Structure formats: C-alpha cells, structure tokens
N, C-alpha and C. Protein backbone atom coordinates (compact mmCIF):
# COMPACT_ATOMS: atom_id res chain seq x y z
N MET A 1 3.90 -18.82 -29.59
CA MET A 1 2.56 -18.68 -28.65
C MET A 1 2.84 -19.18 -27.29
N LYS A 2 2.06 -18.09 -26.56
CA LYS A 2 2.49 -18.16 -25.09
C LYS A 2 1.27 -19.07 -24.54
N ASN A 3 1.80 -19.32 -23.25
CA ASN A 3 1.20 -20.20 -22.42
C ASN A 3 -0.07 -19.57 -21.96
N ARG A 4 -1.35 -20.36 -21.92
CA ARG A 4 -2.63 -19.68 -21.48
C ARG A 4 -2.21 -19.58 -19.57
N ILE A 5 -2.87 -18.29 -19.30
CA ILE A 5 -2.91 -18.06 -18.00
C ILE A 5 -4.00 -18.73 -17.29
N PRO A 6 -3.56 -19.64 -16.18
CA PRO A 6 -4.95 -20.28 -15.42
C PRO A 6 -6.09 -19.52 -14.77
N LYS A 7 -6.83 -19.97 -14.47
CA LYS A 7 -7.88 -19.22 -13.78
C LYS A 7 -7.48 -19.79 -12.17
N PHE A 8 -7.56 -18.29 -11.35
CA PHE A 8 -7.02 -18.81 -9.97
C PHE A 8 -8.29 -18.77 -9.04
N LYS A 9 -8.15 -19.56 -8.02
CA LYS A 9 -9.39 -19.21 -6.88
C LYS A 9 -9.31 -18.08 -5.89
N ASP A 10 -8.38 -17.50 -5.90
CA ASP A 10 -8.37 -16.28 -5.02
C ASP A 10 -6.68 -15.81 -5.32
N GLU A 11 -6.51 -14.53 -4.53
CA GLU A 11 -5.41 -13.77 -4.83
C GLU A 11 -4.06 -14.62 -4.34
N ALA A 12 -4.45 -15.11 -3.10
CA ALA A 12 -3.17 -16.07 -2.85
C ALA A 12 -2.93 -17.11 -3.65
N ASP A 13 -3.53 -17.68 -4.18
CA ASP A 13 -3.35 -18.81 -5.28
C ASP A 13 -2.52 -17.97 -6.51
N GLU A 14 -2.96 -16.79 -7.08
CA GLU A 14 -2.50 -16.11 -8.30
C GLU A 14 -0.92 -15.91 -7.62
N ARG A 15 -0.76 -15.29 -6.47
CA ARG A 15 0.38 -14.87 -6.21
C ARG A 15 1.33 -16.01 -5.88
N ALA A 16 0.99 -17.11 -5.47
CA ALA A 16 1.73 -18.21 -5.44
C ALA A 16 2.44 -18.55 -6.66
N PHE A 17 1.29 -18.75 -7.88
CA PHE A 17 1.69 -19.16 -9.09
C PHE A 17 2.46 -18.01 -9.79
N TRP A 18 2.35 -16.87 -9.71
CA TRP A 18 3.70 -15.72 -10.10
C TRP A 18 4.68 -15.85 -9.73
N ALA A 19 4.92 -16.13 -8.31
CA ALA A 19 6.22 -16.31 -7.70
C ALA A 19 6.93 -17.45 -8.18
N SER A 20 6.49 -18.53 -8.80
CA SER A 20 7.08 -19.50 -9.44
C SER A 20 6.97 -19.59 -10.84
N HIS A 21 6.58 -18.64 -11.54
CA HIS A 21 6.44 -18.73 -12.78
C HIS A 21 7.17 -17.40 -13.61
N ASP A 22 7.32 -17.45 -14.84
CA ASP A 22 7.84 -16.28 -15.41
C ASP A 22 7.06 -15.58 -16.24
N SER A 23 6.39 -14.27 -16.00
CA SER A 23 5.36 -13.90 -16.82
C SER A 23 5.46 -13.92 -18.22
N ALA A 24 7.02 -13.60 -18.57
CA ALA A 24 7.28 -13.90 -20.02
C ALA A 24 6.71 -15.17 -20.92
N ASP A 25 6.46 -16.19 -20.13
CA ASP A 25 6.25 -17.12 -20.68
C ASP A 25 4.62 -17.21 -20.83
N TYR A 26 3.80 -16.20 -20.52
CA TYR A 26 2.43 -15.95 -20.54
C TYR A 26 1.89 -14.77 -21.30
N ILE A 27 2.71 -13.74 -21.18
CA ILE A 27 2.50 -12.50 -21.64
C ILE A 27 3.49 -11.95 -22.55
N ASP A 28 2.93 -11.58 -23.72
CA ASP A 28 3.76 -10.87 -24.78
C ASP A 28 4.11 -9.26 -24.28
N TRP A 29 5.21 -8.67 -23.54
CA TRP A 29 5.32 -7.99 -22.99
C TRP A 29 5.57 -6.57 -24.18
N LYS A 30 5.87 -7.00 -25.21
CA LYS A 30 6.17 -6.20 -26.52
C LYS A 30 4.67 -5.41 -26.96
N LYS A 31 3.75 -6.18 -26.59
CA LYS A 31 2.32 -5.63 -27.00
C LYS A 31 1.71 -4.82 -25.68
N GLY A 32 2.55 -4.79 -24.96
CA GLY A 32 1.87 -3.85 -23.68
C GLY A 32 1.80 -2.27 -23.93
N LYS A 33 0.90 -1.83 -23.44
CA LYS A 33 0.61 -0.34 -23.46
C LYS A 33 0.39 0.18 -22.00
N LYS A 34 1.33 1.51 -22.01
CA LYS A 34 1.05 2.19 -20.68
C LYS A 34 -0.31 2.54 -20.07
N ALA A 35 -0.63 2.38 -18.96
CA ALA A 35 -1.95 2.53 -18.66
C ALA A 35 -1.86 3.35 -17.14
N ILE A 36 -2.76 4.36 -16.81
CA ILE A 36 -2.70 4.75 -15.76
C ILE A 36 -4.16 4.40 -15.05
N PHE A 37 -4.02 4.06 -13.96
CA PHE A 37 -5.01 3.45 -12.91
C PHE A 37 -5.25 4.59 -11.59
N SER A 38 -5.99 5.78 -12.25
CA SER A 38 -6.03 6.77 -10.96
C SER A 38 -6.97 6.41 -10.17
N SER A 39 -7.97 5.25 -10.10
CA SER A 39 -8.83 4.97 -9.39
C SER A 39 -8.70 3.90 -8.52
N LEU A 40 -7.33 3.48 -8.67
CA LEU A 40 -6.64 2.15 -7.57
C LEU A 40 -6.51 2.66 -6.41
N ARG A 41 -6.86 1.85 -5.23
CA ARG A 41 -6.75 2.41 -3.85
C ARG A 41 -5.72 1.37 -3.36
N PRO A 42 -5.06 1.55 -2.36
CA PRO A 42 -4.38 0.27 -1.85
C PRO A 42 -5.51 -0.48 -0.93
N SER A 43 -5.13 -1.75 -0.65
CA SER A 43 -6.06 -2.50 0.11
C SER A 43 -5.89 -1.88 1.69
N LEU A 44 -6.78 -2.12 2.14
CA LEU A 44 -7.01 -1.46 3.66
C LEU A 44 -7.23 -2.68 4.60
N LYS A 45 -6.86 -2.61 5.70
CA LYS A 45 -7.17 -3.49 6.96
C LYS A 45 -7.64 -2.89 7.89
N SER A 46 -8.52 -3.09 8.61
CA SER A 46 -8.93 -2.41 9.84
C SER A 46 -8.19 -2.94 10.99
N ILE A 47 -7.75 -2.02 11.83
CA ILE A 47 -7.15 -2.36 13.30
C ILE A 47 -7.66 -1.94 14.58
N SER A 48 -7.57 -2.43 15.46
CA SER A 48 -8.02 -1.75 16.86
C SER A 48 -6.59 -1.21 17.58
N LEU A 49 -6.82 0.05 17.65
CA LEU A 49 -5.80 0.88 18.47
C LEU A 49 -6.26 1.55 19.56
N ARG A 50 -5.68 1.20 20.89
CA ARG A 50 -6.08 1.76 21.98
C ARG A 50 -5.05 3.01 22.19
N LEU A 51 -5.95 4.25 22.33
CA LEU A 51 -5.04 5.46 22.70
C LEU A 51 -5.71 6.13 23.73
N PRO A 52 -4.69 7.19 24.54
CA PRO A 52 -5.55 7.80 25.60
C PRO A 52 -6.31 8.99 24.98
N GLU A 53 -7.71 8.95 25.78
CA GLU A 53 -8.49 9.97 25.18
C GLU A 53 -8.14 11.41 24.97
N SER A 54 -7.11 11.95 25.66
CA SER A 54 -6.45 13.21 25.52
C SER A 54 -5.43 13.00 24.46
N MET A 55 -5.05 12.04 23.85
CA MET A 55 -4.35 12.09 22.54
C MET A 55 -5.51 12.10 21.33
N ILE A 56 -6.36 11.43 21.44
CA ILE A 56 -7.48 11.48 20.64
C ILE A 56 -8.22 12.94 20.39
N GLU A 57 -8.06 13.46 21.41
CA GLU A 57 -9.00 14.66 21.51
C GLU A 57 -7.85 15.60 20.83
N GLU A 58 -6.43 15.75 21.09
CA GLU A 58 -5.64 16.51 20.57
C GLU A 58 -5.50 16.09 19.06
N LEU A 59 -5.60 14.83 18.72
CA LEU A 59 -5.73 14.69 17.10
C LEU A 59 -6.80 15.35 16.64
N ARG A 60 -8.07 15.39 17.32
CA ARG A 60 -9.26 15.97 16.39
C ARG A 60 -9.25 17.28 16.28
N LEU A 61 -8.52 17.98 17.45
CA LEU A 61 -8.43 19.35 17.53
C LEU A 61 -7.53 19.71 16.08
N LEU A 62 -6.32 18.94 15.95
CA LEU A 62 -5.29 19.23 14.89
C LEU A 62 -6.24 18.99 13.50
N ALA A 63 -6.84 17.91 13.42
CA ALA A 63 -7.55 17.50 12.19
C ALA A 63 -8.47 18.51 11.82
N ASN A 64 -9.34 19.21 12.96
CA ASN A 64 -10.44 19.96 12.62
C ASN A 64 -9.80 21.52 12.09
N LYS A 65 -8.35 21.93 12.85
CA LYS A 65 -7.60 22.95 11.94
C LYS A 65 -7.34 22.95 10.46
N LYS A 66 -7.01 21.55 10.23
CA LYS A 66 -6.90 21.33 8.87
C LYS A 66 -7.91 20.88 7.92
N ASP A 67 -8.77 20.79 8.53
CA ASP A 67 -10.53 20.34 7.87
C ASP A 67 -10.26 18.82 7.23
N VAL A 68 -9.92 17.88 8.10
CA VAL A 68 -9.63 16.81 7.64
C VAL A 68 -10.13 15.61 8.76
N PRO A 69 -10.89 14.70 8.40
CA PRO A 69 -11.28 13.72 9.37
C PRO A 69 -9.86 13.35 10.22
N TYR A 70 -10.15 13.07 11.55
CA TYR A 70 -8.82 12.68 12.42
C TYR A 70 -8.31 11.34 12.00
N GLN A 71 -9.01 10.62 11.62
CA GLN A 71 -8.36 9.25 11.22
C GLN A 71 -7.46 9.31 10.13
N SER A 72 -8.00 10.23 9.10
CA SER A 72 -6.96 10.68 7.86
C SER A 72 -5.75 11.23 8.20
N LEU A 73 -6.05 12.22 9.30
CA LEU A 73 -4.73 12.92 9.69
C LEU A 73 -3.87 11.93 10.36
N LEU A 74 -4.40 10.97 11.28
CA LEU A 74 -3.33 9.85 11.86
C LEU A 74 -2.75 8.86 11.03
N LYS A 75 -3.29 9.01 9.73
CA LYS A 75 -2.97 8.09 8.31
C LYS A 75 -1.66 8.76 7.82
N VAL A 76 -1.83 10.13 7.81
CA VAL A 76 -0.83 11.03 7.07
C VAL A 76 0.40 10.77 8.28
N PHE A 77 0.26 11.27 9.49
CA PHE A 77 1.19 11.08 10.28
C PHE A 77 1.91 9.76 10.50
N LEU A 78 1.15 8.96 10.39
CA LEU A 78 2.16 7.65 10.32
C LEU A 78 2.75 7.30 9.38
N SER A 79 2.23 7.69 7.99
CA SER A 79 2.97 7.63 6.81
C SER A 79 4.27 8.48 6.80
N GLU A 80 4.17 9.54 7.37
CA GLU A 80 5.31 10.47 7.34
C GLU A 80 6.47 9.95 8.13
N ARG A 81 6.08 9.36 9.48
CA ARG A 81 7.20 8.97 10.27
C ARG A 81 7.53 7.38 9.65
N ILE A 82 6.67 6.66 9.29
CA ILE A 82 7.51 5.47 8.44
C ILE A 82 8.40 5.63 7.43
N ALA A 83 7.91 6.72 6.65
CA ALA A 83 8.84 7.13 5.59
C ALA A 83 10.28 7.55 6.06
N LYS A 84 10.26 8.47 7.28
CA LYS A 84 11.10 8.92 7.89
C LYS A 84 12.21 7.74 8.67
N GLU A 85 11.59 6.97 9.24
CA GLU A 85 12.45 6.03 9.65
C GLU A 85 13.05 4.92 8.73
N LEU A 86 12.21 4.70 7.71
CA LEU A 86 13.00 3.83 6.82
C LEU A 86 13.96 4.44 5.77
N ARG A 87 13.89 5.81 5.74
CA ARG A 87 14.70 6.55 4.48
C ARG A 87 16.49 6.16 4.98
N PRO A 88 16.87 6.31 6.11
CA PRO A 88 18.34 6.01 6.23
C PRO A 88 18.43 4.47 5.62
N HIS A 89 17.46 3.68 6.09
CA HIS A 89 17.84 2.17 5.65
C HIS A 89 17.78 2.21 4.30
N LEU A 90 16.72 2.91 3.41
CA LEU A 90 16.93 2.42 1.90
C LEU A 90 18.26 3.34 1.31
N LEU A 91 18.68 4.25 2.01
CA LEU A 91 19.65 4.67 1.44
C LEU A 91 20.94 4.23 1.54
N GLY A 92 21.06 3.27 2.65
CA GLY A 92 22.16 2.60 3.03
C GLY A 92 22.90 3.17 4.05
N ILE A 93 22.18 4.11 4.95
CA ILE A 93 22.83 4.81 5.72
C ILE A 93 22.51 4.31 7.17
N LYS A 94 23.72 3.83 7.98
CA LYS A 94 23.96 3.28 9.16
C LYS A 94 23.40 3.99 10.31
N PRO A 95 22.51 4.00 11.15
CA PRO A 95 22.38 4.98 12.55
C PRO A 95 23.51 5.14 13.22
C-alpha cells in the first residue's frame, strides 16, 4: 500500500515536499501511462526592460517582416542566444 499524497497549500509547499520525499513511496509508477500535454505552457513572468527606442523600432521592423509580434520575436532571439551560450557548457567544452 502506497502512502497518501498530502494536500499542499501552494506550489512552493509541494516542491519542498517532493524535494525531501521519494515519489516511489507514494506513486506506483508501474501503473503509469504515457501522456501528451500539448496545451501546457511554461510559467511566464513579466519584466520591465528598458531599451533604446531605435532598437525597439528595428525589432518591430524585423517582426513585421516575419509577421509576428515584436515581443514574440524578442523571446525567440533571447531563446536562441541563451541556447548558443549554454551549448558549450552543456557539452563540457571550455571556452
């Protein structure tokens, strides 16, 4: 018989619980089924970012050419650059 998973007051409480407990004591993973969560979206956090007006205008021009909102294009650019910067580290390559 597996232990009963407690009710959590918030996500931080649940995160702390699972950091110190083995899920195998609570869940029978042999009964698990594969699932696809196509509607899941990452948690978002708004930030304030000050950019030169000329940079924003150039970003808007690029976004307009690609027919996407400029904020979305900025996220793509940031994501690509982060991946590029982290790739050597993840592959164990020293700069």
